[in-house]
């Protein structure tokens, strides 16, 4: 059975600084939630998240016996987890706003524009009424890039094997350097959400311990986390409208839109979409 992991460290909330404007506004209101997806292959994610042990039984290992490695130099360049580029026209995505016929733009940033249109004009098809659509898309791209750099990529690189984060605060053993390879890893002494490999390992041990029965350990004691096709890594991304956006059409104040971002582990046949506009 597949596993749905929740990566709280990746979750974030951002607000637009640009308000939508039109020449002849009308009003409306609606709010729903949605899911955008990305793909990463089983081979790729297993090469990134690995564990080192000298114990025969992984389930009985002490926290100090296990070292968690994140090989970010192996992360596929085709999987850029910018939340606003989450795809909403793929399997396992959920979309309740884009009820238009074959819309050409199917990423989260386009959904948010239709969300604003629905709130302001009572239809998702009113995006063309915004006379600053390009500026708003640029704003969404900007907050998506900020979330990717500060909340997602930064947390993955923090405890990566080639991290520049200092190990000094963890001299007791939480964040360590291999004296032979020079690679950095964590132990179970760091139990916070940003010790991502540790979080994934312990979730698997908790609900899918059978996956560890046939693991293959290499000469250095390393083995890939048994993350399999069909598993997903999930976090949330909330976009709030610019302050006073409701004043455009005189509708009541409305909040943001909270998205589930789902990273699906597959066989490598699916591709991720990156769309600038």
Protein backbone atom coordinates (compact mmCIF):
# COMPACT_ATOMS: atom_id res chain seq x y z
CA UNK A 1 0.00 0.00 0.00
CA UNK A 2 1.16 3.52 -0.79
CA UNK A 3 1.95 6.10 1.89
CA UNK A 4 0.93 9.77 1.99
CA UNK A 5 3.57 11.72 3.91
CA UNK A 6 2.96 15.20 5.32
CA UNK A 7 5.99 17.51 5.19
CA UNK A 8 4.99 20.36 7.51
CA UNK A 9 8.32 22.14 7.05
CA UNK A 10 7.40 22.95 3.44
CA UNK A 11 4.03 24.54 4.26
CA UNK A 12 3.74 28.32 3.95
CA UNK A 13 1.41 31.28 3.55
CA UNK A 14 2.02 34.29 1.29
CA UNK A 15 0.08 37.40 0.35
CA UNK A 16 -0.03 39.19 -2.97
CA UNK A 17 1.08 42.81 -2.91
CA UNK A 18 -0.57 43.60 -6.23
CA UNK A 19 -4.33 44.10 -6.42
CA UNK A 20 -6.28 43.15 -9.51
CA UNK A 21 -7.75 46.12 -11.35
CA UNK A 22 -10.37 46.44 -14.10
CA UNK A 23 -12.04 49.16 -16.12
CA UNK A 24 -15.68 48.20 -15.37
CA UNK A 25 -15.98 45.98 -12.26
CA UNK A 26 -18.87 43.76 -11.16
CA UNK A 27 -19.13 41.52 -8.08
CA UNK A 28 -19.35 37.90 -6.80
CA UNK A 29 -18.02 35.44 -4.22
CA UNK A 30 -17.01 31.77 -3.94
CA UNK A 31 -14.34 29.77 -2.12
CA UNK A 32 -13.09 26.18 -2.47
CA UNK A 33 -9.83 24.26 -1.99
CA UNK A 34 -7.66 22.56 -4.61
CA UNK A 35 -4.62 20.34 -5.13
CA UNK A 36 -1.66 20.76 -7.45
CA UNK A 37 0.79 17.97 -8.23
CA UNK A 38 4.43 17.42 -9.12
CA UNK A 39 6.20 14.16 -10.03
CA UNK A 40 9.49 12.60 -9.01
CA UNK A 41 10.63 9.11 -9.95
CA UNK A 42 11.10 6.32 -7.44
CA UNK A 43 14.72 5.96 -8.53
CA UNK A 44 15.40 9.67 -8.06
CA UNK A 45 13.86 10.06 -4.61
CA UNK A 46 15.53 6.89 -3.34
CA UNK A 47 18.89 8.25 -4.48
CA UNK A 48 18.26 11.49 -2.56
CA UNK A 49 17.04 10.12 0.80
CA UNK A 50 19.30 7.46 2.28
CA UNK A 51 20.10 6.08 5.72
CA UNK A 52 23.26 4.61 7.20
CA UNK A 53 23.24 1.93 9.87
CA UNK A 54 25.47 -0.71 11.38
CA UNK A 55 22.52 -2.57 12.86
CA UNK A 56 21.13 -5.82 11.52
CA UNK A 57 17.53 -4.87 12.39
CA UNK A 58 16.68 -1.34 11.32
CA UNK A 59 13.51 -1.27 13.42
CA UNK A 60 15.48 -1.98 16.60
CA UNK A 61 18.26 0.53 15.91
CA UNK A 62 18.87 3.30 18.40
CA UNK A 63 18.46 6.85 17.15
CA UNK A 64 22.19 7.42 17.56
CA UNK A 65 22.93 4.37 15.40
CA UNK A 66 21.18 5.82 12.33
CA UNK A 67 22.52 8.59 10.13
CA UNK A 68 20.15 10.30 7.69
CA UNK A 69 21.57 11.54 4.39
CA UNK A 70 20.00 13.93 1.89
CA UNK A 71 21.93 13.91 -1.40
CA UNK A 72 20.61 17.13 -2.89
CA UNK A 73 23.17 16.99 -5.69
CA UNK A 74 21.02 14.11 -7.01
CA UNK A 75 17.70 15.98 -6.91
CA UNK A 76 16.28 16.01 -10.49
CA UNK A 77 16.44 19.42 -12.16
CA UNK A 78 13.02 18.73 -13.71
CA UNK A 79 11.33 18.68 -10.29
CA UNK A 80 11.32 22.29 -9.10
CA UNK A 81 8.80 22.54 -6.27
CA UNK A 82 7.69 26.10 -6.89
CA UNK A 83 4.13 25.82 -5.46
CA UNK A 84 2.50 28.19 -7.94
CA UNK A 85 3.54 25.81 -10.73
CA UNK A 86 1.71 22.84 -9.21
CA UNK A 87 -0.25 21.11 -11.97
CA UNK A 88 -4.04 20.89 -11.69
CA UNK A 89 -4.85 18.91 -14.81
CA UNK A 90 -3.09 15.69 -13.79
CA UNK A 91 -4.15 12.48 -12.08
CA UNK A 92 -4.53 12.85 -8.30
CA UNK A 93 -4.98 16.61 -8.55
CA UNK A 94 -8.22 18.21 -7.40
CA UNK A 95 -9.69 21.32 -8.95
CA UNK A 96 -13.07 22.91 -8.35
CA UNK A 97 -12.53 26.41 -9.76
CA UNK A 98 -11.39 25.78 -13.33
CA UNK A 99 -14.86 24.87 -14.58
CA UNK A 100 -14.19 26.24 -18.02
CA UNK A 101 -13.86 24.34 -21.28
CA UNK A 102 -10.29 23.12 -21.84
CA UNK A 103 -8.49 26.06 -20.22
CA UNK A 104 -4.96 26.39 -21.62
CA UNK A 105 -3.45 27.44 -18.30
CA UNK A 106 -3.75 24.79 -15.61
CA UNK A 107 -1.25 25.65 -12.87
CA UNK A 108 -2.01 26.85 -9.35
CA UNK A 109 -1.18 30.47 -10.22
CA UNK A 110 -3.81 30.37 -12.98
CA UNK A 111 -6.29 28.82 -10.59
CA UNK A 112 -5.71 31.64 -8.10
CA UNK A 113 -6.42 34.20 -10.80
CA UNK A 114 -9.70 32.43 -11.53
CA UNK A 115 -10.36 32.32 -7.79
CA UNK A 116 -10.05 36.11 -7.64
CA UNK A 117 -12.29 36.42 -10.68
CA UNK A 118 -14.90 34.22 -9.03
CA UNK A 119 -14.75 36.23 -5.82
CA UNK A 120 -14.97 39.56 -7.59
CA UNK A 121 -17.15 38.82 -10.64
CA UNK A 122 -18.98 35.62 -9.66
CA UNK A 123 -17.38 33.72 -12.55
CA UNK A 124 -13.94 32.12 -13.07
CA UNK A 125 -14.03 33.32 -16.65
CA UNK A 126 -13.55 36.98 -15.80
CA UNK A 127 -9.73 36.96 -15.60
CA UNK A 128 -9.51 38.86 -18.88
CA UNK A 129 -11.25 41.77 -17.15
CA UNK A 130 -8.11 42.37 -15.11
CA UNK A 131 -6.05 44.99 -16.89
CA UNK A 132 -2.90 44.03 -14.95
CA UNK A 133 -3.02 40.25 -15.36
CA UNK A 134 0.65 40.03 -16.38
CA UNK A 135 1.74 42.01 -13.34
CA UNK A 136 -0.30 39.75 -11.06
CA UNK A 137 1.11 36.56 -12.60
CA UNK A 138 4.58 38.00 -12.07
CA UNK A 139 3.65 38.62 -8.44
CA UNK A 140 2.47 35.03 -8.04
CA UNK A 141 5.66 33.76 -9.68
CA UNK A 142 7.62 35.85 -7.21
CA UNK A 143 5.94 34.51 -4.06
CA UNK A 144 6.12 30.97 -5.44
CA UNK A 145 9.86 31.36 -6.01
CA UNK A 146 10.23 32.81 -2.52
CA UNK A 147 8.38 29.86 -0.99
CA UNK A 148 10.48 27.43 -3.02
CA UNK A 149 13.78 29.04 -2.00
CA UNK A 150 13.01 29.80 1.66
CA UNK A 151 10.62 27.06 2.75
CA UNK A 152 11.30 24.08 0.49
CA UNK A 153 14.73 24.09 -1.12
CA UNK A 154 16.35 25.72 1.92
CA UNK A 155 14.99 23.08 4.28
CA UNK A 156 16.18 20.26 2.01
CA UNK A 157 19.65 21.78 1.73
CA UNK A 158 19.92 22.60 5.45
CA UNK A 159 20.90 19.05 6.40
CA UNK A 160 22.10 17.91 2.98
CA UNK A 161 25.35 15.97 2.60
CA UNK A 162 27.11 19.08 1.23
CA UNK A 163 25.28 21.60 3.42
CA UNK A 164 27.00 24.83 4.42
CA UNK A 165 24.97 24.88 7.64
CA UNK A 166 27.36 24.67 10.61
CA UNK A 167 27.58 21.45 12.58
CA UNK A 168 28.95 23.26 15.65
CA UNK A 169 25.56 23.65 17.37
CA UNK A 170 25.19 19.88 17.14
CA UNK A 171 28.56 18.82 18.49
CA UNK A 172 26.76 16.27 20.67
CA UNK A 173 25.86 14.28 17.59
CA UNK A 174 22.71 15.69 15.97
CA UNK A 175 24.36 16.99 12.78
CA UNK A 176 27.62 15.24 12.03
CA UNK A 177 30.39 14.99 9.45
CA UNK A 178 31.79 11.70 8.26
CA UNK A 179 35.55 11.89 8.93
CA UNK A 180 36.38 9.87 5.81
CA UNK A 181 33.94 11.12 3.14
CA UNK A 182 33.30 14.58 4.56
CA UNK A 183 29.57 14.10 3.96
CA UNK A 184 27.13 15.53 6.50
CA UNK A 185 24.20 13.66 8.00
CA UNK A 186 21.80 13.85 10.94
CA UNK A 187 20.99 11.49 13.76
CA UNK A 188 17.74 10.99 15.62
CA UNK A 189 18.88 13.58 18.16
CA UNK A 190 17.27 16.17 15.88
CA UNK A 191 13.54 15.44 15.93
CA UNK A 192 12.24 18.69 14.44
CA UNK A 193 10.30 18.93 11.16
CA UNK A 194 13.35 20.13 9.25
CA UNK A 195 15.12 16.80 9.76
CA UNK A 196 13.17 15.57 6.76
CA UNK A 197 14.90 12.26 6.10
CA UNK A 198 14.42 11.36 9.77
CA UNK A 199 10.71 12.26 9.55
CA UNK A 200 10.23 10.09 6.45
CA UNK A 201 12.13 7.16 7.93
CA UNK A 202 10.16 7.12 11.16
CA UNK A 203 6.83 7.43 9.37
CA UNK A 204 7.73 4.37 7.29
CA UNK A 205 8.85 2.43 10.34
CA UNK A 206 5.57 3.32 12.01
CA UNK A 207 3.16 2.22 9.31
CA UNK A 208 5.13 0.24 6.68
CA UNK A 209 7.89 -1.51 8.61
CA UNK A 210 7.64 -4.50 6.27
CA UNK A 211 9.37 -2.47 3.58
CA UNK A 212 12.63 -2.77 5.51
CA UNK A 213 12.75 -6.56 5.46
CA UNK A 214 14.63 -6.79 2.18
CA UNK A 215 16.69 -3.62 2.11
CA UNK A 216 20.11 -3.83 0.51
CA UNK A 217 22.89 -2.08 2.43
CA UNK A 218 25.98 -1.03 0.47
CA UNK A 219 29.61 -1.29 1.57
CA UNK A 220 29.29 1.98 3.50
CA UNK A 221 26.21 0.84 5.39
CA UNK A 222 23.92 3.05 3.30
CA UNK A 223 20.51 2.09 1.96
CA UNK A 224 17.81 4.12 0.19
CA UNK A 225 14.60 4.92 2.02
CA UNK A 226 11.98 2.52 0.62
CA UNK A 227 9.81 5.27 -0.87
CA UNK A 228 7.79 3.56 -3.58
CA UNK A 229 5.69 4.34 -6.63
CA UNK A 230 2.34 5.68 -5.47
CA UNK A 231 3.66 7.31 -2.29
CA UNK A 232 3.15 11.06 -2.01
CA UNK A 233 4.82 13.87 -0.09
CA UNK A 234 2.33 16.60 0.82
CA UNK A 235 2.36 20.14 2.16
CA UNK A 236 0.15 23.22 2.01
CA UNK A 237 0.57 26.56 0.29
CA UNK A 238 -1.80 29.42 1.07
CA UNK A 239 -2.10 32.52 -1.11
CA UNK A 240 -3.88 35.56 0.26
CA UNK A 241 -5.19 38.36 -1.96
CA UNK A 242 -3.67 41.82 -1.69
CA UNK A 243 -5.03 43.97 1.09
CA UNK A 244 -8.25 45.71 0.04
CA UNK A 245 -8.72 43.55 -3.06
CA UNK A 246 -12.45 43.27 -2.30
CA UNK A 247 -12.85 47.02 -2.78
CA UNK A 248 -12.46 46.56 -6.54
CA UNK A 249 -16.07 45.45 -6.86
CA UNK A 250 -17.40 46.27 -3.41
CA UNK A 251 -17.80 42.64 -2.30
CA UNK A 252 -17.27 41.60 1.34
CA UNK A 253 -13.71 40.98 2.46
CA UNK A 254 -12.56 37.50 1.46
CA UNK A 255 -9.62 35.37 2.49
CA UNK A 256 -7.02 33.41 0.62
CA UNK A 257 -6.98 30.03 -1.04
CA UNK A 258 -5.23 27.08 0.57
CA UNK A 259 -3.68 24.54 -1.76
CA UNK A 260 -2.45 21.04 -1.14
CA UNK A 261 0.82 20.45 -2.95
CA UNK A 262 1.34 16.77 -3.72
CA UNK A 263 4.69 15.35 -4.85
CA UNK A 264 3.84 12.00 -6.44
CA UNK A 265 6.42 9.25 -6.70
CA UNK A 266 6.07 7.53 -10.08
CA UNK A 267 8.01 5.38 -12.54
CA UNK A 268 9.61 8.37 -14.24
CA UNK A 269 7.22 8.59 -17.19
CA UNK A 270 5.37 11.75 -16.07
CA UNK A 271 6.72 15.22 -16.70
CA UNK A 272 6.40 18.46 -14.73
CA UNK A 273 5.13 21.64 -16.35
CA UNK A 274 6.77 25.01 -15.87
CA UNK A 275 4.84 27.91 -17.35
CA UNK A 276 6.02 31.50 -16.93
CA UNK A 277 2.82 33.32 -17.82
